[in-house]
C-alpha atoms as a PDB file:
ATOM      1  CA  MET A   1     116.138 100.695  97.840  1.00  0.00           C
ATOM      2  CA  PRO A   2     113.438  99.536 100.298  1.00  0.00           C
ATOM      3  CA  SER A   3     114.611  97.308 103.106  1.00  0.00           C
ATOM      4  CA  GLU A   4     113.571  93.640 102.996  1.00  0.00           C
ATOM      5  CA  GLN A   5     113.075  93.709 106.768  1.00  0.00           C
ATOM      6  CA  ALA A   6     111.380  96.171 109.106  1.00  0.00           C
ATOM      7  CA  GLN A   7     110.115  96.466 112.648  1.00  0.00           C
ATOM      8  CA  ILE A   8     106.422  97.390 112.442  1.00  0.00           C
ATOM      9  CA  ASP A   9     104.497  97.720 115.687  1.00  0.00           C
ATOM     10  CA  ALA A  10     105.546  94.609 117.668  1.00  0.00           C
ATOM     11  CA  PHE A  11     106.289  92.582 114.541  1.00  0.00           C
ATOM     12  CA  ALA A  12     109.616  91.866 112.859  1.00  0.00           C
ATOM     13  CA  MET A  13     108.434  91.910 109.236  1.00  0.00           C
ATOM     14  CA  GLN A  14     110.049  90.659 106.064  1.00  0.00           C
ATOM     15  CA  ILE A  15     109.200  90.967 102.367  1.00  0.00           C
ATOM     16  CA  ARG A  16     108.542  87.774 100.407  1.00  0.00           C
ATOM     17  CA  ASP A  17     107.364  86.949  96.886  1.00  0.00           C
ATOM     18  CA  VAL A  18     103.577  86.579  96.615  1.00  0.00           C
ATOM     19  CA  ALA A  19     104.128  83.590  94.319  1.00  0.00           C
ATOM     20  CA  ASP A  20     105.408  81.612  97.313  1.00  0.00           C
ATOM     21  CA  ALA A  21     102.592  82.620  99.672  1.00  0.00           C
ATOM     22  CA  ASP A  22     100.105  80.156 101.113  1.00  0.00           C
ATOM     23  CA  HIS A  23      96.670  80.232  99.419  1.00  0.00           C
ATOM     24  CA  ALA A  24      94.759  79.974 102.671  1.00  0.00           C
ATOM     25  CA  GLN A  25      96.689  82.830 104.283  1.00  0.00           C
ATOM     26  CA  LEU A  26      96.161  85.124 101.302  1.00  0.00           C
ATOM     27  CA  HIS A  27      92.457  84.346 101.423  1.00  0.00           C
ATOM     28  CA  ALA A  28      92.390  85.083 105.140  1.00  0.00           C
ATOM     29  CA  LEU A  29      94.170  88.408 104.559  1.00  0.00           C
ATOM     30  CA  SER A  30      91.578  89.640 102.059  1.00  0.00           C
ATOM     31  CA  ILE A  31      88.739  88.423 104.306  1.00  0.00           C
ATOM     32  CA  SER A  32      90.220  90.396 107.215  1.00  0.00           C
ATOM     33  CA  VAL A  33      89.568  93.667 105.349  1.00  0.00           C
ATOM     34  CA  GLY A  34      86.176  92.625 103.953  1.00  0.00           C
ATOM     35  CA  TRP A  35      87.301  91.909 100.380  1.00  0.00           C
ATOM     36  CA  PRO A  36      85.433  89.098  98.582  1.00  0.00           C
ATOM     37  CA  HIS A  37      88.348  87.377  96.820  1.00  0.00           C
ATOM     38  CA  ARG A  38      88.355  83.590  96.898  1.00  0.00           C
ATOM     39  CA  ALA A  39      91.528  81.517  96.855  1.00  0.00           C
ATOM     40  CA  GLU A  40      90.815  80.947  93.138  1.00  0.00           C
ATOM     41  CA  ASP A  41      90.694  84.694  92.530  1.00  0.00           C
ATOM     42  CA  TRP A  42      94.065  85.111  94.196  1.00  0.00           C
ATOM     43  CA  GLN A  43      95.521  82.364  92.021  1.00  0.00           C
ATOM     44  CA  PHE A  44      94.185  84.004  88.848  1.00  0.00           C
ATOM     45  CA  LEU A  45      95.982  87.215  89.821  1.00  0.00           C
ATOM     46  CA  ARG A  46      99.208  85.404  90.712  1.00  0.00           C
ATOM     47  CA  ASP A  47      99.158  83.672  87.316  1.00  0.00           C
ATOM     48  CA  ILE A  48      99.278  87.008  85.475  1.00  0.00           C
ATOM     49  CA  GLY A  49     100.978  89.401  87.893  1.00  0.00           C
ATOM     50  CA  GLU A  50     103.813  89.973  90.322  1.00  0.00           C
ATOM     51  CA  GLY A  51     103.855  91.047  93.920  1.00  0.00           C
ATOM     52  CA  VAL A  52     105.080  90.843  97.458  1.00  0.00           C
ATOM     53  CA  ILE A  53     103.741  89.975 100.866  1.00  0.00           C
ATOM     54  CA  ALA A  54     104.811  91.181 104.277  1.00  0.00           C
ATOM     55  CA  SER A  55     105.087  88.361 106.815  1.00  0.00           C
ATOM     56  CA  ASP A  56     105.991  88.299 110.499  1.00  0.00           C
ATOM     57  CA  GLU A  57     108.617  86.185 112.245  1.00  0.00           C
ATOM     58  CA  ILE A  58     106.355  83.116 112.422  1.00  0.00           C
ATOM     59  CA  GLY A  59     105.261  83.331 108.787  1.00  0.00           C
ATOM     60  CA  ARG A  60     101.861  85.005 109.139  1.00  0.00           C
ATOM     61  CA  ILE A  61     100.945  87.167 106.146  1.00  0.00           C
ATOM     62  CA  MET A  62     100.226  90.714 107.329  1.00  0.00           C
ATOM     63  CA  GLY A  63     100.114  92.570 104.014  1.00  0.00           C
ATOM     64  CA  SER A  64     100.294  92.307 100.224  1.00  0.00           C
ATOM     65  CA  ALA A  65     100.808  94.369  97.078  1.00  0.00           C
ATOM     66  CA  MET A  66     100.655  93.268  93.434  1.00  0.00           C
ATOM     67  CA  TRP A  67     101.346  94.825  90.051  1.00  0.00           C
ATOM     68  CA  PHE A  68     100.391  93.837  86.504  1.00  0.00           C
ATOM     69  CA  ARG A  69     102.306  94.839  83.376  1.00  0.00           C
ATOM     70  CA  HIS A  70      99.764  95.331  80.602  1.00  0.00           C
ATOM     71  CA  SER A  71     102.323  96.696  78.140  1.00  0.00           C
ATOM     72  CA  ASN A  72     105.898  97.985  78.126  1.00  0.00           C
ATOM     73  CA  GLU A  73     104.649 101.346  79.367  1.00  0.00           C
ATOM     74  CA  LEU A  74     101.519 100.765  81.473  1.00  0.00           C
ATOM     75  CA  ALA A  75     100.881  98.728  84.618  1.00  0.00           C
ATOM     76  CA  THR A  76      98.138  98.560  87.224  1.00  0.00           C
ATOM     77  CA  ILE A  77      98.695  98.149  90.946  1.00  0.00           C
ATOM     78  CA  GLY A  78      96.271  96.325  93.188  1.00  0.00           C
ATOM     79  CA  MET A  79      95.695  93.918  96.083  1.00  0.00           C
ATOM     80  CA  VAL A  80      97.418  96.406  98.383  1.00  0.00           C
ATOM     81  CA  ILE A  81      96.164  95.035 101.681  1.00  0.00           C
ATOM     82  CA  THR A  82      97.358  95.596 105.217  1.00  0.00           C
ATOM     83  CA  SER A  83      96.172  93.608 108.210  1.00  0.00           C
ATOM     84  CA  PRO A  84      93.774  95.813 110.217  1.00  0.00           C
ATOM     85  CA  ARG A  85      96.167  95.872 113.195  1.00  0.00           C
ATOM     86  CA  LEU A  86      98.949  97.404 111.057  1.00  0.00           C
ATOM     87  CA  GLN A  87      97.013  99.796 108.849  1.00  0.00           C
ATOM     88  CA  THR A  88      98.412 102.924 110.497  1.00  0.00           C
ATOM     89  CA  GLN A  89     101.944 101.579 110.971  1.00  0.00           C
ATOM     90  CA  GLY A  90     103.441 102.167 107.514  1.00  0.00           C
ATOM     91  CA  THR A  91     103.144  98.636 106.131  1.00  0.00           C
ATOM     92  CA  GLY A  92     101.242  99.822 103.044  1.00  0.00           C
ATOM     93  CA  LEU A  93     103.908 102.413 102.237  1.00  0.00           C
ATOM     94  CA  TRP A  94     106.653  99.834 102.719  1.00  0.00           C
ATOM     95  CA  MET A  95     105.059  97.450 100.208  1.00  0.00           C
ATOM     96  CA  MET A  96     104.196 100.236  97.757  1.00  0.00           C
ATOM     97  CA  GLU A  97     107.862 101.228  97.707  1.00  0.00           C
ATOM     98  CA  TYR A  98     108.605  97.748  96.385  1.00  0.00           C
ATOM     99  CA  ALA A  99     105.931  98.018  93.727  1.00  0.00           C
ATOM    100  CA  LEU A 100     107.088 101.443  92.561  1.00  0.00           C
ATOM    101  CA  LYS A 101     110.717 100.298  92.453  1.00  0.00           C
ATOM    102  CA  ASP A 102     109.856  97.306  90.283  1.00  0.00           C
ATOM    103  CA  VAL A 103     107.738  99.285  87.800  1.00  0.00           C
ATOM    104  CA  ALA A 104     109.950 102.377  87.784  1.00  0.00           C
ATOM    105  CA  GLY A 105     109.560 104.387  84.574  1.00  0.00           C
ATOM    106  CA  MET A 106     106.113 102.971  83.754  1.00  0.00           C
ATOM    107  CA  ASN A 107     102.789 104.774  83.723  1.00  0.00           C
ATOM    108  CA  LEU A 108     100.580 103.410  86.497  1.00  0.00           C
ATOM    109  CA  ARG A 109      96.917 103.102  87.405  1.00  0.00           C
ATOM    110  CA  LEU A 110      95.227 101.902  90.554  1.00  0.00           C
ATOM    111  CA  ASN A 111      91.840 102.070  92.238  1.00  0.00           C
ATOM    112  CA  ALA A 112      92.048 103.459  95.742  1.00  0.00           C
ATOM    113  CA  THR A 113      89.705 102.918  98.651  1.00  0.00           C
ATOM    114  CA  ARG A 114      88.905 106.044 100.663  1.00  0.00           C
ATOM    115  CA  ALA A 115      91.241 104.863 103.423  1.00  0.00           C
ATOM    116  CA  ALA A 116      94.185 104.476 100.996  1.00  0.00           C
ATOM    117  CA  GLN A 117      93.796 107.667  98.964  1.00  0.00           C
ATOM    118  CA  ARG A 118      96.025 109.764 101.217  1.00  0.00           C
ATOM    119  CA  LEU A 119      98.862 107.246 100.846  1.00  0.00           C
ATOM    120  CA  TYR A 120      98.652 107.261  97.051  1.00  0.00           C
ATOM    121  CA  LEU A 121      98.440 111.055  96.893  1.00  0.00           C
ATOM    122  CA  SER A 122     101.624 111.244  98.959  1.00  0.00           C
ATOM    123  CA  LEU A 123     103.325 108.974  96.401  1.00  0.00           C
ATOM    124  CA  GLY A 124     102.413 111.253  93.492  1.00  0.00           C
ATOM    125  CA  PHE A 125      99.268 109.587  92.134  1.00  0.00           C
ATOM    126  CA  HIS A 126      96.596 111.860  90.622  1.00  0.00           C
ATOM    127  CA  PRO A 127      92.813 111.447  91.106  1.00  0.00           C
ATOM    128  CA  GLU A 128      90.963 110.558  87.896  1.00  0.00           C
ATOM    129  CA  LYS A 129      87.463 109.040  88.055  1.00  0.00           C
ATOM    130  CA  THR A 130      85.139 107.439  90.558  1.00  0.00           C
ATOM    131  CA  VAL A 131      84.477 103.722  90.142  1.00  0.00           C
ATOM    132  CA  TYR A 132      80.964 102.613  91.093  1.00  0.00           C
ATOM    133  CA  GLN A 133      80.890  99.072  92.460  1.00  0.00           C
ATOM    134  CA  CYS A 134      77.449  97.861  91.362  1.00  0.00           C
ATOM    135  CA  GLN A 135      76.247  94.564  92.739  1.00  0.00           C
ATOM    136  CA  GLY A 136      73.274  92.611  93.996  1.00  0.00           C
ATOM    137  CA  ILE A 137      70.921  89.740  93.360  1.00  0.00           C
ATOM    138  CA  VAL A 138      69.717  89.976  89.765  1.00  0.00           C
ATOM    139  CA  ALA A 139      66.018  90.782  89.862  1.00  0.00           C
ATOM    140  CA  ARG A 140      64.710  90.818  86.299  1.00  0.00           C
ATOM    141  CA  ARG A 141      63.154  87.940  84.422  1.00  0.00           C
ATOM    142  CA  PRO A 142      65.284  86.112  81.832  1.00  0.00           C
ATOM    143  CA  GLU A 143      62.882  87.087  79.037  1.00  0.00           C
ATOM    144  CA  ASP A 144      63.829  90.736  79.605  1.00  0.00           C
ATOM    145  CA  HIS A 145      67.313  89.921  78.329  1.00  0.00           C
ATOM    146  CA  ALA A 146      66.728  88.162  75.031  1.00  0.00           C
ATOM    147  CA  LEU A 147      69.689  88.325  72.683  1.00  0.00           C
ATOM    148  CA  SER A 148      69.659  91.043  70.049  1.00  0.00           C
ATOM    149  CA  LYS A 149      69.968  89.702  66.520  1.00  0.00           C
ATOM    150  CA  ASP A 150      73.445  91.259  66.367  1.00  0.00           C
ATOM    151  CA  VAL A 151      74.653  89.686  69.644  1.00  0.00           C
ATOM    152  CA  ARG A 152      76.061  86.188  69.993  1.00  0.00           C
ATOM    153  CA  LEU A 153      78.263  84.154  72.293  1.00  0.00           C
ATOM    154  CA  LEU A 154      81.975  84.666  71.799  1.00  0.00           C
ATOM    155  CA  GLY A 155      84.286  81.796  70.930  1.00  0.00           C
ATOM    156  CA  PRO A 156      88.062  81.313  70.687  1.00  0.00           C
ATOM    157  CA  GLU A 157      87.941  82.617  67.130  1.00  0.00           C
ATOM    158  CA  ASP A 158      86.861  86.022  68.497  1.00  0.00           C
ATOM    159  CA  LEU A 159      89.836  86.475  70.826  1.00  0.00           C
ATOM    160  CA  ALA A 160      91.935  88.632  68.480  1.00  0.00           C
ATOM    161  CA  ALA A 161      89.027  90.973  67.784  1.00  0.00           C
ATOM    162  CA  ALA A 162      88.278  91.286  71.506  1.00  0.00           C
ATOM    163  CA  VAL A 163      91.928  92.090  72.279  1.00  0.00           C
ATOM    164  CA  ALA A 164      91.918  94.797  69.596  1.00  0.00           C
ATOM    165  CA  LEU A 165      88.646  96.340  70.782  1.00  0.00           C
ATOM    166  CA  ASP A 166      89.760  96.263  74.427  1.00  0.00           C
ATOM    167  CA  ALA A 167      93.041  97.926  73.406  1.00  0.00           C
ATOM    168  CA  ASP A 168      91.149 100.786  71.764  1.00  0.00           C
ATOM    169  CA  ALA A 169      89.018 101.222  74.896  1.00  0.00           C
ATOM    170  CA  PHE A 170      91.677 100.709  77.595  1.00  0.00           C
ATOM    171  CA  GLY A 171      94.594 102.341  75.794  1.00  0.00           C
ATOM    172  CA  VAL A 172      97.007  99.417  75.405  1.00  0.00           C
ATOM    173  CA  ALA A 173      96.668  95.829  74.179  1.00  0.00           C
ATOM    174  CA  ARG A 174      96.185  93.484  77.149  1.00  0.00           C
ATOM    175  CA  SER A 175      96.683  90.326  75.099  1.00  0.00           C
ATOM    176  CA  ILE A 176      97.762  87.992  77.898  1.00  0.00           C
ATOM    177  CA  LEU A 177      95.019  89.165  80.248  1.00  0.00           C
ATOM    178  CA  ILE A 178      92.185  88.971  77.711  1.00  0.00           C
ATOM    179  CA  GLU A 179      93.323  85.518  76.590  1.00  0.00           C
ATOM    180  CA  LYS A 180      93.352  84.360  80.224  1.00  0.00           C
ATOM    181  CA  LEU A 181      89.893  85.853  80.760  1.00  0.00           C
ATOM    182  CA  PHE A 182      88.548  84.032  77.701  1.00  0.00           C
ATOM    183  CA  GLN A 183      89.566  80.765  79.369  1.00  0.00           C
ATOM    184  CA  HIS A 184      87.581  81.588  82.520  1.00  0.00           C
ATOM    185  CA  SER A 185      84.651  83.590  81.142  1.00  0.00           C
ATOM    186  CA  ARG A 186      81.453  83.469  79.159  1.00  0.00           C
ATOM    187  CA  GLY A 187      81.327  86.301  76.637  1.00  0.00           C
ATOM    188  CA  TYR A 188      78.796  88.058  74.435  1.00  0.00           C
ATOM    189  CA  GLY A 189      79.726  90.183  71.443  1.00  0.00           C
ATOM    190  CA  LEU A 190      77.845  92.654  69.272  1.00  0.00           C
ATOM    191  CA  PHE A 191      78.684  92.293  65.572  1.00  0.00           C
ATOM    192  CA  ARG A 192      77.867  94.562  62.634  1.00  0.00           C
ATOM    193  CA  ASP A 193      78.838  93.502  59.114  1.00  0.00           C
ATOM    194  CA  GLY A 194      80.899  90.740  60.672  1.00  0.00           C
ATOM    195  CA  ALA A 195      82.997  93.106  62.819  1.00  0.00           C
ATOM    196  CA  LEU A 196      83.027  93.070  66.622  1.00  0.00           C
ATOM    197  CA  GLN A 197      81.640  96.376  67.907  1.00  0.00           C
ATOM    198  CA  ALA A 198      81.164  95.644  71.621  1.00  0.00           C
ATOM    199  CA  PHE A 199      81.745  92.787  74.035  1.00  0.00           C
ATOM    200  CA  ALA A 200      81.253  91.797  77.666  1.00  0.00           C
ATOM    201  CA  LEU A 201      82.876  88.943  79.593  1.00  0.00           C
ATOM    202  CA  CYS A 202      81.564  87.372  82.802  1.00  0.00           C
ATOM    203  CA  ARG A 203      83.432  85.015  85.153  1.00  0.00           C
ATOM    204  CA  PRO A 204      83.148  83.522  88.645  1.00  0.00           C
ATOM    205  CA  PHE A 205      84.449  85.901  91.300  1.00  0.00           C
ATOM    206  CA  GLY A 206      83.903  86.518  94.985  1.00  0.00           C
ATOM    207  CA  ARG A 207      80.318  85.960  96.098  1.00  0.00           C
ATOM    208  CA  GLY A 208      79.102  84.993  92.609  1.00  0.00           C
ATOM    209  CA  HIS A 209      80.071  86.353  89.199  1.00  0.00           C
ATOM    210  CA  VAL A 210      81.533  89.621  87.904  1.00  0.00           C
ATOM    211  CA  VAL A 211      80.934  91.222  84.498  1.00  0.00           C
ATOM    212  CA  GLY A 212      84.011  92.808  82.962  1.00  0.00           C
ATOM    213  CA  PRO A 213      85.607  94.006  80.902  1.00  0.00           C
ATOM    214  CA  VAL A 214      82.891  95.640  78.831  1.00  0.00           C
ATOM    215  CA  ALA A 215      84.026  97.615  75.804  1.00  0.00           C
ATOM    216  CA  ALA A 216      81.544  99.547  73.659  1.00  0.00           C
ATOM    217  CA  ALA A 217      81.134 102.841  71.821  1.00  0.00           C
ATOM    218  CA  ASP A 218      77.893 103.929  73.493  1.00  0.00           C
ATOM    219  CA  ASP A 219      75.314 103.032  76.132  1.00  0.00           C
ATOM    220  CA  GLN A 220      73.096 101.172  73.688  1.00  0.00           C
ATOM    221  CA  ASP A 221      75.855  98.813  72.599  1.00  0.00           C
ATOM    222  CA  ALA A 222      77.052  98.324  76.176  1.00  0.00           C
ATOM    223  CA  VAL A 223      73.548  97.425  77.313  1.00  0.00           C
ATOM    224  CA  ALA A 224      73.182  94.995  74.405  1.00  0.00           C
ATOM    225  CA  VAL A 225      76.170  92.892  75.530  1.00  0.00           C
ATOM    226  CA  VAL A 226      75.662  93.168  79.300  1.00  0.00           C
ATOM    227  CA  MET A 227      71.948  92.324  79.470  1.00  0.00           C
ATOM    228  CA  PRO A 228      72.432  88.700  78.334  1.00  0.00           C
ATOM    229  CA  HIS A 229      74.799  88.173  81.269  1.00  0.00           C
ATOM    230  CA  ILE A 230      72.225  89.662  83.609  1.00  0.00           C
ATOM    231  CA  GLY A 231      69.660  87.291  82.144  1.00  0.00           C
ATOM    232  CA  ASP A 232      72.019  84.370  82.747  1.00  0.00           C
ATOM    233  CA  HIS A 233      72.197  85.178  86.476  1.00  0.00           C
ATOM    234  CA  VAL A 234      68.631  86.007  87.504  1.00  0.00           C
ATOM    235  CA  GLY A 235      68.260  85.213  91.208  1.00  0.00           C
ATOM    236  CA  ASN A 236      72.017  85.084  91.735  1.00  0.00           C
ATOM    237  CA  PHE A 237      74.708  87.510  92.874  1.00  0.00           C
ATOM    238  CA  LEU A 238      76.340  89.614  90.152  1.00  0.00           C
ATOM    239  CA  ARG A 239      78.830  92.486  90.252  1.00  0.00           C
ATOM    240  CA  LEU A 240      80.030  95.097  87.761  1.00  0.00           C
ATOM    241  CA  ASP A 241      82.514  97.941  88.357  1.00  0.00           C
ATOM    242  CA  THR A 242      82.016 101.010  86.156  1.00  0.00           C
ATOM    243  CA  HIS A 243      82.948 104.670  85.817  1.00  0.00           C
ATOM    244  CA  PHE A 244      79.406 105.420  84.610  1.00  0.00           C
ATOM    245  CA  GLU A 245      77.089 106.834  87.271  1.00  0.00           C
ATOM    246  CA  ALA A 246      74.296 108.080  84.971  1.00  0.00           C
ATOM    247  CA  GLY A 247      72.794 107.335  81.566  1.00  0.00           C
ATOM    248  CA  ASP A 248      70.991 104.367  80.066  1.00  0.00           C
ATOM    249  CA  PHE A 249      73.763 101.937  80.955  1.00  0.00           C
ATOM    250  CA  ALA A 250      73.653 102.844  84.646  1.00  0.00           C
ATOM    251  CA  LEU A 251      69.846 102.827  84.659  1.00  0.00           C
ATOM    252  CA  HIS A 252      69.743  99.294  83.247  1.00  0.00           C
ATOM    253  CA  LEU A 253      72.107  98.101  85.984  1.00  0.00           C
ATOM    254  CA  VAL A 254      69.993  99.589  88.754  1.00  0.00           C
ATOM    255  CA  GLY A 255      66.806  98.233  87.163  1.00  0.00           C
ATOM    256  CA  SER A 256      68.323  94.767  87.170  1.00  0.00           C
ATOM    257  CA  GLY A 257      69.163  94.835  90.869  1.00  0.00           C
ATOM    258  CA  LEU A 258      72.790  95.982  90.601  1.00  0.00           C
ATOM    259  CA  SER A 259      72.815  99.057  92.831  1.00  0.00           C
ATOM    260  CA  VAL A 260      75.899 100.987  93.908  1.00  0.00           C
ATOM    261  CA  PHE A 261      77.426  99.210  96.904  1.00  0.00           C
ATOM    262  CA  ASP A 262      80.645 101.210  97.249  1.00  0.00           C
ATOM    263  CA  THR A 263      82.993 103.527  95.373  1.00  0.00           C
ATOM    264  CA  VAL A 264      86.735 103.723  94.858  1.00  0.00           C
ATOM    265  CA  LEU A 265      88.852 106.300  93.053  1.00  0.00           C
ATOM    266  CA  THR A 266      90.850 105.589  89.903  1.00  0.00           C
ATOM    267  CA  MET A 267      94.247 107.271  90.204  1.00  0.00           C
ATOM    268  CA  SER A 268      97.146 107.572  87.776  1.00  0.00           C
ATOM    269  CA  TYR A 269     100.890 108.075  87.942  1.00  0.00           C
ATOM    270  CA  GLY A 270     102.601 109.435  84.833  1.00  0.00           C
ATOM    271  CA  LYS A 271     100.257 109.624  81.878  1.00  0.00           C
ATOM    272  CA  ARG A 272      96.617 110.414  82.688  1.00  0.00           C
ATOM    273  CA  LEU A 273      93.581 108.424  81.552  1.00  0.00           C
ATOM    274  CA  SER A 274      92.867 111.051  78.905  1.00  0.00           C
ATOM    275  CA  ASP A 275      96.243 110.311  77.312  1.00  0.00           C
ATOM    276  CA  TYR A 276      94.975 106.816  76.516  1.00  0.00           C
ATOM    277  CA  THR A 277      91.454 107.753  75.435  1.00  0.00           C
ATOM    278  CA  ALA A 278      90.593 107.081  71.798  1.00  0.00           C
ATOM    279  CA  SER A 279      88.988 109.967  69.922  1.00  0.00           C
ATOM    280  CA  GLY A 280      86.064 110.047  67.512  1.00  0.00           C
ATOM    281  CA  PRO A 281      82.290 109.595  67.808  1.00  0.00           C
ATOM    282  CA  GLN A 282      82.451 105.785  67.526  1.00  0.00           C
ATOM    283  CA  ALA A 283      85.574 105.279  69.625  1.00  0.00           C
ATOM    284  CA  PRO A 284      85.075 102.476  72.169  1.00  0.00           C
ATOM    285  CA  THR A 285      85.383 103.055  75.895  1.00  0.00           C
ATOM    286  CA  THR A 286      85.620 100.777  78.905  1.00  0.00           C
ATOM    287  CA  TYR A 287      82.120 100.488  80.375  1.00  0.00           C
ATOM    288  CA  ALA A 288      83.132  97.942  82.996  1.00  0.00           C
ATOM    289  CA  LEU A 289      86.507  97.179  84.517  1.00  0.00           C
ATOM    290  CA  VAL A 290      87.977  93.694  84.553  1.00  0.00           C
ATOM    291  CA  SER A 291      88.284  94.319  88.288  1.00  0.00           C
ATOM    292  CA  GLN A 292      89.405  97.072  90.597  1.00  0.00           C
ATOM    293  CA  THR A 293      92.831  95.415  90.683  1.00  0.00           C
ATOM    294  CA  LEU A 294      93.274  95.021  86.919  1.00  0.00           C
ATOM    295  CA  GLY A 295      91.478  98.116  85.622  1.00  0.00           C
END
């Protein structure tokens, strides 16, 4: 069992519950490593997940790690942050030991920065796919993003259908997460014969807004539900994280001003992504992540 106390560099560190952490200090921690999370983004994650922080003897937060149970068998790990001064001192491993202990027996996913990949490989995680962090100031005119006749705004009555479609794309039903996202997001859905075929949610995050999740069966449907969000944010900052580097979907993002800013690596522990992939020509897939933390 991991120790609740450790001497790291010159600091006597202790593990505490992230739920009890100070908002301002969490925000300062993510800023210290260049992450865009606002205090509100931290609170959203604390409302739906669990985690720990590492604090020094005077209560300063020096690290964090969170995990999110999407089903009885699958969880994602994220917000693994170490203060720059301690990044080579084992703090990340110490906190990851807590995460892995708490979700023991579950299949896991995370998105690793280049700096963290060696740590996760040492813990038994397997590389899967590159995530392209696309972002920028939306450049196209609103008239370029007129709604298709099959696309409309989503309402509370569409929640169950969105949960089901996301489950087919992601691999498990994330009912609590999608319901929470509906409360904070604007959504567009593509309907055929009254059935939801694709959807995209967009919510405030970081420097502006983020689009995700996006679930669709092909590029055309994904573009149909993402372009209205792009039209809603012309002249403003928008972000979308995707596994798609090429194709019509990626081309539409670049053409709208959302170029690739950075990449991270999706990694798995236990079952691989392919074990959760639906089969068939019209099977939906995840075109945009909820976030790098939530998958």
